[in-house]
Amino acid sequence: MVRNLLTECGVSKYFWPEVINWSVHILNRSLTFFVKNMTPEEAWSGRKPTVDHFRIFGCIAYAHIPDKKRSKLDDKGEKCIFLGVSDQSKAYKLYNHITKKIILLVVMLFSMKKDFGKIT
């Protein structure tokens, strides 16, 4: 699953830890043969997990730029790449390819398109 995500999304091998985290997150919320009629997450926590936050790994996400950090004619969002969800909070992990930083945000817009090409 990890190799397929890396190849399909066109991200470099540098992001393999993020791909593994997202893969485990998905697998823990998916039905398996080992636990009957429930997901591993449900068996562990006792409650049904939500999957409404699932997005396509590597899809485009637009991170909001606060009013204080932009002028009137600047863009209101920065184009980033979706890397998964934070294990510390209910935030999404995004990679800003311009600043080369991973950021955590709670609210942003998603586009399921992948027009970044190869990201290193």
PDB file of N, CA and C in Angstrom:
ATOM      1  N   MET A   1       0.823  -1.189   0.000  1.00  0.00           N
ATOM      2  CA  MET A   1       0.000   0.000   0.000  1.00  0.00           C
ATOM      3  C   MET A   1       0.872   1.260   0.000  1.00  0.00           C
ATOM      4  N   VAL A   2       1.944   1.248   0.767  1.00  0.00           N
ATOM      5  CA  VAL A   2       2.816   2.422   0.871  1.00  0.00           C
ATOM      6  C   VAL A   2       3.477   2.724  -0.469  1.00  0.00           C
ATOM      7  N   ARG A   3       4.046   1.713  -1.091  1.00  0.00           N
ATOM      8  CA  ARG A   3       4.710   1.909  -2.383  1.00  0.00           C
ATOM      9  C   ARG A   3       3.714   2.420  -3.431  1.00  0.00           C
ATOM     10  N   ASN A   4       2.504   1.869  -3.419  1.00  0.00           N
ATOM     11  CA  ASN A   4       1.488   2.306  -4.374  1.00  0.00           C
ATOM     12  C   ASN A   4       1.114   3.767  -4.164  1.00  0.00           C
ATOM     13  N   LEU A   5       0.950   4.175  -2.912  1.00  0.00           N
ATOM     14  CA  LEU A   5       0.618   5.574  -2.637  1.00  0.00           C
ATOM     15  C   LEU A   5       1.743   6.510  -3.062  1.00  0.00           C
ATOM     16  N   LEU A   6       2.972   6.143  -2.766  1.00  0.00           N
ATOM     17  CA  LEU A   6       4.112   6.975  -3.173  1.00  0.00           C
ATOM     18  C   LEU A   6       4.152   7.134  -4.687  1.00  0.00           C
ATOM     19  N   THR A   7       3.965   6.031  -5.404  1.00  0.00           N
ATOM     20  CA  THR A   7       4.029   6.066  -6.866  1.00  0.00           C
ATOM     21  C   THR A   7       2.855   6.830  -7.452  1.00  0.00           C
ATOM     22  N   GLU A   8       1.655   6.514  -6.995  1.00  0.00           N
ATOM     23  CA  GLU A   8       0.449   7.128  -7.552  1.00  0.00           C
ATOM     24  C   GLU A   8       0.403   8.633  -7.301  1.00  0.00           C
ATOM     25  N   CYS A   9       0.848   9.060  -6.148  1.00  0.00           N
ATOM     26  CA  CYS A   9       0.770  10.480  -5.788  1.00  0.00           C
ATOM     27  C   CYS A   9       1.920  11.294  -6.343  1.00  0.00           C
ATOM     28  N   GLY A  10       2.987  10.631  -6.730  1.00  0.00           N
ATOM     29  CA  GLY A  10       4.122  11.350  -7.287  1.00  0.00           C
ATOM     30  C   GLY A  10       4.944  12.095  -6.255  1.00  0.00           C
ATOM     31  N   VAL A  11       4.851  11.698  -4.985  1.00  0.00           N
ATOM     32  CA  VAL A  11       5.665  12.341  -3.955  1.00  0.00           C
ATOM     33  C   VAL A  11       6.971  11.576  -3.804  1.00  0.00           C
ATOM     34  N   SER A  12       7.987  12.240  -3.302  1.00  0.00           N
ATOM     35  CA  SER A  12       9.293  11.594  -3.169  1.00  0.00           C
ATOM     36  C   SER A  12       9.292  10.621  -1.989  1.00  0.00           C
ATOM     37  N   LYS A  13      10.312   9.786  -1.943  1.00  0.00           N
ATOM     38  CA  LYS A  13      10.449   8.809  -0.860  1.00  0.00           C
ATOM     39  C   LYS A  13      10.683   9.491   0.485  1.00  0.00           C
ATOM     40  N   TYR A  14      11.017  10.752   0.459  1.00  0.00           N
ATOM     41  CA  TYR A  14      11.187  11.539   1.679  1.00  0.00           C
ATOM     42  C   TYR A  14       9.916  11.501   2.537  1.00  0.00           C
ATOM     43  N   PHE A  15       8.758  11.353   1.890  1.00  0.00           N
ATOM     44  CA  PHE A  15       7.473  11.381   2.592  1.00  0.00           C
ATOM     45  C   PHE A  15       7.001  10.006   3.058  1.00  0.00           C
ATOM     46  N   TRP A  16       7.865   8.986   3.002  1.00  0.00           N
ATOM     47  CA  TRP A  16       7.418   7.640   3.369  1.00  0.00           C
ATOM     48  C   TRP A  16       6.843   7.556   4.777  1.00  0.00           C
ATOM     49  N   PRO A  17       7.358   8.301   5.787  1.00  0.00           N
ATOM     50  CA  PRO A  17       6.724   8.203   7.115  1.00  0.00           C
ATOM     51  C   PRO A  17       5.272   8.690   7.099  1.00  0.00           C
ATOM     52  N   GLU A  18       5.002   9.738   6.328  1.00  0.00           N
ATOM     53  CA  GLU A  18       3.634  10.258   6.239  1.00  0.00           C
ATOM     54  C   GLU A  18       2.727   9.259   5.532  1.00  0.00           C
ATOM     55  N   VAL A  19       3.257   8.609   4.504  1.00  0.00           N
ATOM     56  CA  VAL A  19       2.480   7.603   3.772  1.00  0.00           C
ATOM     57  C   VAL A  19       2.161   6.424   4.691  1.00  0.00           C
ATOM     58  N   ILE A  20       3.124   5.990   5.479  1.00  0.00           N
ATOM     59  CA  ILE A  20       2.888   4.882   6.409  1.00  0.00           C
ATOM     60  C   ILE A  20       1.838   5.275   7.450  1.00  0.00           C
ATOM     61  N   ASN A  21       1.947   6.467   8.009  1.00  0.00           N
ATOM     62  CA  ASN A  21       0.961   6.921   9.001  1.00  0.00           C
ATOM     63  C   ASN A  21      -0.446   6.934   8.423  1.00  0.00           C
ATOM     64  N   TRP A  22      -0.595   7.450   7.197  1.00  0.00           N
ATOM     65  CA  TRP A  22      -1.918   7.520   6.572  1.00  0.00           C
ATOM     66  C   TRP A  22      -2.426   6.118   6.236  1.00  0.00           C
ATOM     67  N   SER A  23      -1.546   5.243   5.783  1.00  0.00           N
ATOM     68  CA  SER A  23      -1.933   3.863   5.471  1.00  0.00           C
ATOM     69  C   SER A  23      -2.440   3.143   6.720  1.00  0.00           C
ATOM     70  N   VAL A  24      -1.727   3.282   7.817  1.00  0.00           N
ATOM     71  CA  VAL A  24      -2.140   2.654   9.074  1.00  0.00           C
ATOM     72  C   VAL A  24      -3.467   3.245   9.553  1.00  0.00           C
ATOM     73  N   HIS A  25      -3.618   4.549   9.405  1.00  0.00           N
ATOM     74  CA  HIS A  25      -4.862   5.221   9.791  1.00  0.00           C
ATOM     75  C   HIS A  25      -6.039   4.628   9.013  1.00  0.00           C
ATOM     76  N   ILE A  26      -5.861   4.433   7.714  1.00  0.00           N
ATOM     77  CA  ILE A  26      -6.924   3.861   6.877  1.00  0.00           C
ATOM     78  C   ILE A  26      -7.182   2.402   7.252  1.00  0.00           C
ATOM     79  N   LEU A  27      -6.124   1.614   7.371  1.00  0.00           N
ATOM     80  CA  LEU A  27      -6.285   0.187   7.665  1.00  0.00           C
ATOM     81  C   LEU A  27      -6.942  -0.053   9.027  1.00  0.00           C
ATOM     82  N   ASN A  28      -6.644   0.783   9.999  1.00  0.00           N
ATOM     83  CA  ASN A  28      -7.258   0.634  11.320  1.00  0.00           C
ATOM     84  C   ASN A  28      -8.743   0.970  11.318  1.00  0.00           C
ATOM     85  N   ARG A  29      -9.197   1.639  10.287  1.00  0.00           N
ATOM     86  CA  ARG A  29     -10.607   2.007  10.176  1.00  0.00           C
ATOM     87  C   ARG A  29     -11.313   1.240   9.060  1.00  0.00           C
ATOM     88  N   SER A  30     -10.694   0.151   8.611  1.00  0.00           N
ATOM     89  CA  SER A  30     -11.250  -0.704   7.557  1.00  0.00           C
ATOM     90  C   SER A  30     -11.530  -2.092   8.127  1.00  0.00           C
ATOM     91  N   LEU A  31     -12.555  -2.749   7.570  1.00  0.00           N
ATOM     92  CA  LEU A  31     -12.884  -4.104   8.015  1.00  0.00           C
ATOM     93  C   LEU A  31     -11.755  -5.065   7.678  1.00  0.00           C
ATOM     94  N   THR A  32     -11.522  -6.035   8.559  1.00  0.00           N
ATOM     95  CA  THR A  32     -10.491  -7.047   8.334  1.00  0.00           C
ATOM     96  C   THR A  32     -11.072  -8.428   8.610  1.00  0.00           C
ATOM     97  N   PHE A  33     -10.339  -9.463   8.218  1.00  0.00           N
ATOM     98  CA  PHE A  33     -10.748 -10.836   8.499  1.00  0.00           C
ATOM     99  C   PHE A  33     -10.480 -11.211   9.957  1.00  0.00           C
ATOM    100  N   PHE A  34      -9.585 -10.503  10.602  1.00  0.00           N
ATOM    101  CA  PHE A  34      -9.169 -10.857  11.957  1.00  0.00           C
ATOM    102  C   PHE A  34     -10.194 -10.469  13.014  1.00  0.00           C
ATOM    103  N   VAL A  35     -10.907  -9.385  12.768  1.00  0.00           N
ATOM    104  CA  VAL A  35     -11.928  -8.929  13.706  1.00  0.00           C
ATOM    105  C   VAL A  35     -13.257  -8.968  12.961  1.00  0.00           C
ATOM    106  N   LYS A  36     -14.175  -9.792  13.401  1.00  0.00           N
ATOM    107  CA  LYS A  36     -15.448  -9.982  12.696  1.00  0.00           C
ATOM    108  C   LYS A  36     -16.394  -8.798  12.906  1.00  0.00           C
ATOM    109  N   ASN A  37     -16.940  -8.293  11.805  1.00  0.00           N
ATOM    110  CA  ASN A  37     -17.985  -7.264  11.790  1.00  0.00           C
ATOM    111  C   ASN A  37     -17.610  -5.955  12.483  1.00  0.00           C
ATOM    112  N   MET A  38     -16.335  -5.687  12.608  1.00  0.00           N
ATOM    113  CA  MET A  38     -15.912  -4.388  13.136  1.00  0.00           C
ATOM    114  C   MET A  38     -14.485  -4.097  12.673  1.00  0.00           C
ATOM    115  N   THR A  39     -14.114  -2.857  12.788  1.00  0.00           N
ATOM    116  CA  THR A  39     -12.770  -2.447  12.399  1.00  0.00           C
ATOM    117  C   THR A  39     -11.819  -2.626  13.578  1.00  0.00           C
ATOM    118  N   PRO A  40     -10.515  -2.687  13.329  1.00  0.00           N
ATOM    119  CA  PRO A  40      -9.569  -2.758  14.451  1.00  0.00           C
ATOM    120  C   PRO A  40      -9.714  -1.579  15.422  1.00  0.00           C
ATOM    121  N   GLU A  41      -9.966  -0.395  14.893  1.00  0.00           N
ATOM    122  CA  GLU A  41     -10.158   0.793  15.743  1.00  0.00           C
ATOM    123  C   GLU A  41     -11.366   0.612  16.659  1.00  0.00           C
ATOM    124  N   GLU A  42     -12.448   0.066  16.101  1.00  0.00           N
ATOM    125  CA  GLU A  42     -13.656  -0.157  16.886  1.00  0.00           C
ATOM    126  C   GLU A  42     -13.430  -1.224  17.959  1.00  0.00           C
ATOM    127  N   ALA A  43     -12.688  -2.275  17.621  1.00  0.00           N
ATOM    128  CA  ALA A  43     -12.383  -3.327  18.591  1.00  0.00           C
ATOM    129  C   ALA A  43     -11.519  -2.784  19.727  1.00  0.00           C
ATOM    130  N   TRP A  44     -10.618  -1.875  19.422  1.00  0.00           N
ATOM    131  CA  TRP A  44      -9.709  -1.326  20.425  1.00  0.00           C
ATOM    132  C   TRP A  44     -10.395  -0.287  21.312  1.00  0.00           C
ATOM    133  N   SER A  45     -11.137   0.651  20.678  1.00  0.00           N
ATOM    134  CA  SER A  45     -11.711   1.769  21.432  1.00  0.00           C
ATOM    135  C   SER A  45     -13.138   1.521  21.905  1.00  0.00           C
ATOM    136  N   GLY A  46     -13.846   0.582  21.258  1.00  0.00           N
ATOM    137  CA  GLY A  46     -15.228   0.324  21.640  1.00  0.00           C
ATOM    138  C   GLY A  46     -16.239   1.226  20.968  1.00  0.00           C
ATOM    139  N   ARG A  47     -15.793   2.087  20.069  1.00  0.00           N
ATOM    140  CA  ARG A  47     -16.741   2.946  19.337  1.00  0.00           C
ATOM    141  C   ARG A  47     -16.420   2.937  17.853  1.00  0.00           C
ATOM    142  N   LYS A  48     -17.458   3.123  17.068  1.00  0.00           N
ATOM    143  CA  LYS A  48     -17.335   3.081  15.619  1.00  0.00           C
ATOM    144  C   LYS A  48     -16.562   4.315  15.132  1.00  0.00           C
ATOM    145  N   PRO A  49     -15.500   4.110  14.357  1.00  0.00           N
ATOM    146  CA  PRO A  49     -14.715   5.261  13.887  1.00  0.00           C
ATOM    147  C   PRO A  49     -15.423   6.001  12.750  1.00  0.00           C
ATOM    148  N   THR A  50     -15.156   7.281  12.660  1.00  0.00           N
ATOM    149  CA  THR A  50     -15.684   8.059  11.540  1.00  0.00           C
ATOM    150  C   THR A  50     -14.649   8.081  10.424  1.00  0.00           C
ATOM    151  N   VAL A  51     -15.130   8.158   9.212  1.00  0.00           N
ATOM    152  CA  VAL A  51     -14.228   8.215   8.062  1.00  0.00           C
ATOM    153  C   VAL A  51     -14.542   9.422   7.179  1.00  0.00           C
ATOM    154  N   ASP A  52     -15.350  10.343   7.688  1.00  0.00           N
ATOM    155  CA  ASP A  52     -15.707  11.514   6.887  1.00  0.00           C
ATOM    156  C   ASP A  52     -14.529  12.459   6.660  1.00  0.00           C
ATOM    157  N   HIS A  53     -13.456  12.275   7.390  1.00  0.00           N
ATOM    158  CA  HIS A  53     -12.259  13.104   7.213  1.00  0.00           C
ATOM    159  C   HIS A  53     -11.291  12.506   6.191  1.00  0.00           C
ATOM    160  N   PHE A  54     -11.605  11.322   5.660  1.00  0.00           N
ATOM    161  CA  PHE A  54     -10.713  10.685   4.684  1.00  0.00           C
ATOM    162  C   PHE A  54     -10.616  11.534   3.420  1.00  0.00           C
ATOM    163  N   ARG A  55      -9.419  11.692   2.947  1.00  0.00           N
ATOM    164  CA  ARG A  55      -9.141  12.376   1.687  1.00  0.00           C
ATOM    165  C   ARG A  55      -8.135  11.534   0.928  1.00  0.00           C
ATOM    166  N   ILE A  56      -7.960  11.832  -0.329  1.00  0.00           N
ATOM    167  CA  ILE A  56      -6.994  11.112  -1.150  1.00  0.00           C
ATOM    168  C   ILE A  56      -5.603  11.625  -0.810  1.00  0.00           C
ATOM    169  N   PHE A  57      -4.716  10.712  -0.423  1.00  0.00           N
ATOM    170  CA  PHE A  57      -3.353  11.109  -0.093  1.00  0.00           C
ATOM    171  C   PHE A  57      -2.721  11.774  -1.312  1.00  0.00           C
ATOM    172  N   GLY A  58      -2.113  12.926  -1.104  1.00  0.00           N
ATOM    173  CA  GLY A  58      -1.453  13.640  -2.188  1.00  0.00           C
ATOM    174  C   GLY A  58      -2.355  14.583  -2.954  1.00  0.00           C
ATOM    175  N   CYS A  59      -3.642  14.659  -2.575  1.00  0.00           N
ATOM    176  CA  CYS A  59      -4.529  15.581  -3.291  1.00  0.00           C
ATOM    177  C   CYS A  59      -4.187  17.022  -2.898  1.00  0.00           C
ATOM    178  N   ILE A  60      -4.693  17.940  -3.668  1.00  0.00           N
ATOM    179  CA  ILE A  60      -4.429  19.358  -3.424  1.00  0.00           C
ATOM    180  C   ILE A  60      -5.341  19.867  -2.318  1.00  0.00           C
ATOM    181  N   ALA A  61      -4.773  20.623  -1.407  1.00  0.00           N
ATOM    182  CA  ALA A  61      -5.526  21.271  -0.341  1.00  0.00           C
ATOM    183  C   ALA A  61      -5.075  22.725  -0.289  1.00  0.00           C
ATOM    184  N   TYR A  62      -6.001  23.607  -0.072  1.00  0.00           N
ATOM    185  CA  TYR A  62      -5.681  25.029   0.005  1.00  0.00           C
ATOM    186  C   TYR A  62      -5.722  25.477   1.457  1.00  0.00           C
ATOM    187  N   ALA A  63      -4.566  25.870   1.967  1.00  0.00           N
ATOM    188  CA  ALA A  63      -4.447  26.328   3.349  1.00  0.00           C
ATOM    189  C   ALA A  63      -4.794  27.811   3.416  1.00  0.00           C
ATOM    190  N   HIS A  64      -5.684  28.166   4.313  1.00  0.00           N
ATOM    191  CA  HIS A  64      -6.110  29.557   4.466  1.00  0.00           C
ATOM    192  C   HIS A  64      -4.972  30.414   5.019  1.00  0.00           C
ATOM    193  N   ILE A  65      -4.777  31.566   4.412  1.00  0.00           N
ATOM    194  CA  ILE A  65      -3.797  32.538   4.901  1.00  0.00           C
ATOM    195  C   ILE A  65      -4.562  33.574   5.723  1.00  0.00           C
ATOM    196  N   PRO A  66      -4.245  33.729   7.001  1.00  0.00           N
ATOM    197  CA  PRO A  66      -4.966  34.692   7.843  1.00  0.00           C
ATOM    198  C   PRO A  66      -4.861  36.119   7.295  1.00  0.00           C
ATOM    199  N   ASP A  67      -5.881  36.915   7.574  1.00  0.00           N
ATOM    200  CA  ASP A  67      -5.928  38.304   7.101  1.00  0.00           C
ATOM    201  C   ASP A  67      -4.686  39.095   7.491  1.00  0.00           C
ATOM    202  N   LYS A  68      -4.150  38.844   8.674  1.00  0.00           N
ATOM    203  CA  LYS A  68      -2.991  39.591   9.164  1.00  0.00           C
ATOM    204  C   LYS A  68      -1.727  39.309   8.363  1.00  0.00           C
ATOM    205  N   LYS A  69      -1.691  38.171   7.674  1.00  0.00           N
ATOM    206  CA  LYS A  69      -0.484  37.782   6.942  1.00  0.00           C
ATOM    207  C   LYS A  69      -0.580  38.035   5.438  1.00  0.00           C
ATOM    208  N   ARG A  70      -1.605  38.758   5.004  1.00  0.00           N
ATOM    209  CA  ARG A  70      -1.731  39.042   3.573  1.00  0.00           C
ATOM    210  C   ARG A  70      -2.330  40.428   3.371  1.00  0.00           C
ATOM    211  N   SER A  71      -2.059  40.977   2.203  1.00  0.00           N
ATOM    212  CA  SER A  71      -2.654  42.269   1.858  1.00  0.00           C
ATOM    213  C   SER A  71      -3.974  42.026   1.128  1.00  0.00           C
ATOM    214  N   LYS A  72      -4.644  43.087   0.793  1.00  0.00           N
ATOM    215  CA  LYS A  72      -5.981  43.002   0.222  1.00  0.00           C
ATOM    216  C   LYS A  72      -6.023  42.215  -1.094  1.00  0.00           C
ATOM    217  N   LEU A  73      -5.006  42.330  -1.914  1.00  0.00           N
ATOM    218  CA  LEU A  73      -5.017  41.686  -3.224  1.00  0.00           C
ATOM    219  C   LEU A  73      -4.281  40.348  -3.266  1.00  0.00           C
ATOM    220  N   ASP A  74      -3.713  39.928  -2.152  1.00  0.00           N
ATOM    221  CA  ASP A  74      -3.024  38.634  -2.104  1.00  0.00           C
ATOM    222  C   ASP A  74      -4.036  37.489  -2.109  1.00  0.00           C
ATOM    223  N   ASP A  75      -3.551  36.319  -2.479  1.00  0.00           N
ATOM    224  CA  ASP A  75      -4.389  35.121  -2.429  1.00  0.00           C
ATOM    225  C   ASP A  75      -4.796  34.830  -0.993  1.00  0.00           C
ATOM    226  N   LYS A  76      -5.979  34.253  -0.831  1.00  0.00           N
ATOM    227  CA  LYS A  76      -6.465  33.911   0.505  1.00  0.00           C
ATOM    228  C   LYS A  76      -6.036  32.516   0.930  1.00  0.00           C
ATOM    229  N   GLY A  77      -5.462  31.765   0.005  1.00  0.00           N
ATOM    230  CA  GLY A  77      -5.031  30.411   0.334  1.00  0.00           C
ATOM    231  C   GLY A  77      -3.761  30.029  -0.392  1.00  0.00           C
ATOM    232  N   GLU A  78      -3.022  29.080   0.193  1.00  0.00           N
ATOM    233  CA  GLU A  78      -1.809  28.550  -0.421  1.00  0.00           C
ATOM    234  C   GLU A  78      -2.062  27.113  -0.841  1.00  0.00           C
ATOM    235  N   LYS A  79      -1.577  26.777  -2.010  1.00  0.00           N
ATOM    236  CA  LYS A  79      -1.736  25.426  -2.530  1.00  0.00           C
ATOM    237  C   LYS A  79      -0.769  24.491  -1.807  1.00  0.00           C
ATOM    238  N   CYS A  80      -1.311  23.433  -1.218  1.00  0.00           N
ATOM    239  CA  CYS A  80      -0.515  22.464  -0.464  1.00  0.00           C
ATOM    240  C   CYS A  80      -0.884  21.050  -0.904  1.00  0.00           C
ATOM    241  N   ILE A  81      -0.207  20.077  -0.325  1.00  0.00           N
ATOM    242  CA  ILE A  81      -0.473  18.670  -0.598  1.00  0.00           C
ATOM    243  C   ILE A  81      -0.958  18.011   0.686  1.00  0.00           C
ATOM    244  N   PHE A  82      -2.038  17.255   0.584  1.00  0.00           N
ATOM    245  CA  PHE A  82      -2.589  16.543   1.736  1.00  0.00           C
ATOM    246  C   PHE A  82      -1.705  15.355   2.089  1.00  0.00           C
ATOM    247  N   LEU A  83      -1.277  15.282   3.367  1.00  0.00           N
ATOM    248  CA  LEU A  83      -0.415  14.194   3.836  1.00  0.00           C
ATOM    249  C   LEU A  83      -1.070  13.306   4.887  1.00  0.00           C
ATOM    250  N   GLY A  84      -2.254  13.646   5.343  1.00  0.00           N
ATOM    251  CA  GLY A  84      -2.914  12.823   6.352  1.00  0.00           C
ATOM    252  C   GLY A  84      -3.488  13.677   7.465  1.00  0.00           C
ATOM    253  N   VAL A  85      -3.665  13.037   8.602  1.00  0.00           N
ATOM    254  CA  VAL A  85      -4.206  13.741   9.762  1.00  0.00           C
ATOM    255  C   VAL A  85      -3.197  13.690  10.906  1.00  0.00           C
ATOM    256  N   SER A  86      -3.283  14.660  11.768  1.00  0.00           N
ATOM    257  CA  SER A  86      -2.385  14.729  12.920  1.00  0.00           C
ATOM    258  C   SER A  86      -2.799  13.685  13.952  1.00  0.00           C
ATOM    259  N   ASP A  87      -1.826  13.068  14.581  1.00  0.00           N
ATOM    260  CA  ASP A  87      -2.137  12.140  15.666  1.00  0.00           C
ATOM    261  C   ASP A  87      -2.216  12.876  17.007  1.00  0.00           C
ATOM    262  N   GLN A  88      -1.923  14.164  17.013  1.00  0.00           N
ATOM    263  CA  GLN A  88      -1.953  14.984  18.223  1.00  0.00           C
ATOM    264  C   GLN A  88      -3.272  15.736  18.387  1.00  0.00           C
ATOM    265  N   SER A  89      -3.930  16.062  17.258  1.00  0.00           N
ATOM    266  CA  SER A  89      -5.149  16.863  17.302  1.00  0.00           C
ATOM    267  C   SER A  89      -6.032  16.492  16.115  1.00  0.00           C
ATOM    268  N   LYS A  90      -7.151  17.171  15.983  1.00  0.00           N
ATOM    269  CA  LYS A  90      -8.055  16.912  14.865  1.00  0.00           C
ATOM    270  C   LYS A  90      -7.725  17.833  13.696  1.00  0.00           C
ATOM    271  N   ALA A  91      -6.480  17.890  13.357  1.00  0.00           N
ATOM    272  CA  ALA A  91      -6.020  18.756  12.270  1.00  0.00           C
ATOM    273  C   ALA A  91      -5.525  17.909  11.106  1.00  0.00           C
ATOM    274  N   TYR A  92      -5.565  18.500   9.927  1.00  0.00           N
ATOM    275  CA  TYR A  92      -5.018  17.858   8.735  1.00  0.00           C
ATOM    276  C   TYR A  92      -3.548  18.228   8.596  1.00  0.00           C
ATOM    277  N   LYS A  93      -2.753  17.302   8.062  1.00  0.00           N
ATOM    278  CA  LYS A  93      -1.343  17.572   7.772  1.00  0.00           C
ATOM    279  C   LYS A  93      -1.233  17.933   6.304  1.00  0.00           C
ATOM    280  N   LEU A  94      -0.621  19.074   6.047  1.00  0.00           N
ATOM    281  CA  LEU A  94      -0.419  19.537   4.678  1.00  0.00           C
ATOM    282  C   LEU A  94       1.050  19.863   4.468  1.00  0.00           C
ATOM    283  N   TYR A  95       1.498  19.685   3.237  1.00  0.00           N
ATOM    284  CA  TYR A  95       2.872  20.036   2.883  1.00  0.00           C
ATOM    285  C   TYR A  95       2.830  21.227   1.943  1.00  0.00           C
ATOM    286  N   ASN A  96       3.479  22.305   2.345  1.00  0.00           N
ATOM    287  CA  ASN A  96       3.590  23.487   1.498  1.00  0.00           C
ATOM    288  C   ASN A  96       4.875  23.345   0.691  1.00  0.00           C
ATOM    289  N   HIS A  97       4.737  23.136  -0.609  1.00  0.00           N
ATOM    290  CA  HIS A  97       5.917  22.873  -1.445  1.00  0.00           C
ATOM    291  C   HIS A  97       6.770  24.114  -1.675  1.00  0.00           C
ATOM    292  N   ILE A  98       6.251  25.291  -1.390  1.00  0.00           N
ATOM    293  CA  ILE A  98       7.036  26.520  -1.554  1.00  0.00           C
ATOM    294  C   ILE A  98       7.934  26.732  -0.334  1.00  0.00           C
ATOM    295  N   THR A  99       7.354  26.619   0.861  1.00  0.00           N
ATOM    296  CA  THR A  99       8.140  26.807   2.085  1.00  0.00           C
ATOM    297  C   THR A  99       8.839  25.527   2.526  1.00  0.00           C
ATOM    298  N   LYS A 100       8.466  24.393   1.915  1.00  0.00           N
ATOM    299  CA  LYS A 100       9.040  23.075   2.250  1.00  0.00           C
ATOM    300  C   LYS A 100       8.768  22.696   3.708  1.00  0.00           C
ATOM    301  N   LYS A 101       7.579  23.067   4.207  1.00  0.00           N
ATOM    302  CA  LYS A 101       7.216  22.778   5.592  1.00  0.00           C
ATOM    303  C   LYS A 101       5.904  22.010   5.653  1.00  0.00           C
ATOM    304  N   ILE A 102       5.788  21.167   6.675  1.00  0.00           N
ATOM    305  CA  ILE A 102       4.530  20.482   6.958  1.00  0.00           C
ATOM    306  C   ILE A 102       3.770  21.340   7.957  1.00  0.00           C
ATOM    307  N   ILE A 103       2.514  21.626   7.639  1.00  0.00           N
ATOM    308  CA  ILE A 103       1.689  22.463   8.511  1.00  0.00           C
ATOM    309  C   ILE A 103       0.463  21.671   8.952  1.00  0.00           C
ATOM    310  N   LEU A 104      -0.089  22.042  10.095  1.00  0.00           N
ATOM    311  CA  LEU A 104      -1.310  21.432  10.614  1.00  0.00           C
ATOM    312  C   LEU A 104      -2.412  22.472  10.597  1.00  0.00           C
ATOM    313  N   LEU A 105      -3.536  22.126   9.977  1.00  0.00           N
ATOM    314  CA  LEU A 105      -4.672  23.037   9.901  1.00  0.00           C
ATOM    315  C   LEU A 105      -5.960  22.278  10.140  1.00  0.00           C
ATOM    316  N   VAL A 106      -6.932  22.954  10.725  1.00  0.00           N
ATOM    317  CA  VAL A 106      -8.224  22.332  10.981  1.00  0.00           C
ATOM    318  C   VAL A 106      -9.171  22.551   9.805  1.00  0.00           C
ATOM    319  N   VAL A 107      -9.150  23.728   9.218  1.00  0.00           N
ATOM    320  CA  VAL A 107     -10.082  24.049   8.135  1.00  0.00           C
ATOM    321  C   VAL A 107      -9.313  24.436   6.883  1.00  0.00           C
ATOM    322  N   MET A 108      -9.698  23.827   5.777  1.00  0.00           N
ATOM    323  CA  MET A 108      -9.132  24.180   4.479  1.00  0.00           C
ATOM    324  C   MET A 108     -10.035  23.630   3.396  1.00  0.00           C
ATOM    325  N   LEU A 109      -9.741  23.958   2.160  1.00  0.00           N
ATOM    326  CA  LEU A 109     -10.491  23.433   1.018  1.00  0.00           C
ATOM    327  C   LEU A 109      -9.687  22.336   0.361  1.00  0.00           C
ATOM    328  N   PHE A 110     -10.380  21.311  -0.120  1.00  0.00           N
ATOM    329  CA  PHE A 110      -9.717  20.209  -0.803  1.00  0.00           C
ATOM    330  C   PHE A 110     -10.140  20.164  -2.254  1.00  0.00           C
ATOM    331  N   SER A 111      -9.215  19.766  -3.090  1.00  0.00           N
ATOM    332  CA  SER A 111      -9.490  19.454  -4.487  1.00  0.00           C
ATOM    333  C   SER A 111      -8.959  18.049  -4.694  1.00  0.00           C
ATOM    334  N   MET A 112      -9.782  17.160  -5.209  1.00  0.00           N
ATOM    335  CA  MET A 112      -9.341  15.773  -5.366  1.00  0.00           C
ATOM    336  C   MET A 112      -8.453  15.588  -6.594  1.00  0.00           C
ATOM    337  N   LYS A 113      -8.129  16.687  -7.269  1.00  0.00           N
ATOM    338  CA  LYS A 113      -7.214  16.619  -8.408  1.00  0.00           C
ATOM    339  C   LYS A 113      -5.789  16.492  -7.902  1.00  0.00           C
ATOM    340  N   LYS A 114      -4.936  15.956  -8.762  1.00  0.00           N
ATOM    341  CA  LYS A 114      -3.511  15.857  -8.434  1.00  0.00           C
ATOM    342  C   LYS A 114      -2.735  16.453  -9.598  1.00  0.00           C
ATOM    343  N   ASP A 115      -2.542  17.743  -9.601  1.00  0.00           N
ATOM    344  CA  ASP A 115      -1.834  18.372 -10.715  1.00  0.00           C
ATOM    345  C   ASP A 115      -0.469  18.921 -10.313  1.00  0.00           C
ATOM    346  N   PHE A 116       0.088  18.426  -9.231  1.00  0.00           N
ATOM    347  CA  PHE A 116       1.401  18.887  -8.799  1.00  0.00           C
ATOM    348  C   PHE A 116       2.526  18.253  -9.600  1.00  0.00           C
ATOM    349  N   GLY A 117       2.298  17.077 -10.139  1.00  0.00           N
ATOM    350  CA  GLY A 117       3.390  16.353 -10.778  1.00  0.00           C
ATOM    351  C   GLY A 117       4.269  15.752  -9.698  1.00  0.00           C
ATOM    352  N   LYS A 118       5.551  15.640  -9.972  1.00  0.00           N
ATOM    353  CA  LYS A 118       6.484  15.063  -8.992  1.00  0.00           C
ATOM    354  C   LYS A 118       6.820  16.092  -7.922  1.00  0.00           C
ATOM    355  N   ILE A 119       6.689  15.694  -6.670  1.00  0.00           N
ATOM    356  CA  ILE A 119       7.014  16.578  -5.551  1.00  0.00           C
ATOM    357  C   ILE A 119       8.195  15.983  -4.802  1.00  0.00           C
ATOM    358  N   THR A 120       9.220  16.794  -4.605  1.00  0.00           N
ATOM    359  CA  THR A 120      10.407  16.320  -3.894  1.00  0.00           C
ATOM    360  C   THR A 120      10.604  17.111  -2.627  1.00  0.00           C
TER     361      THR A 120
END
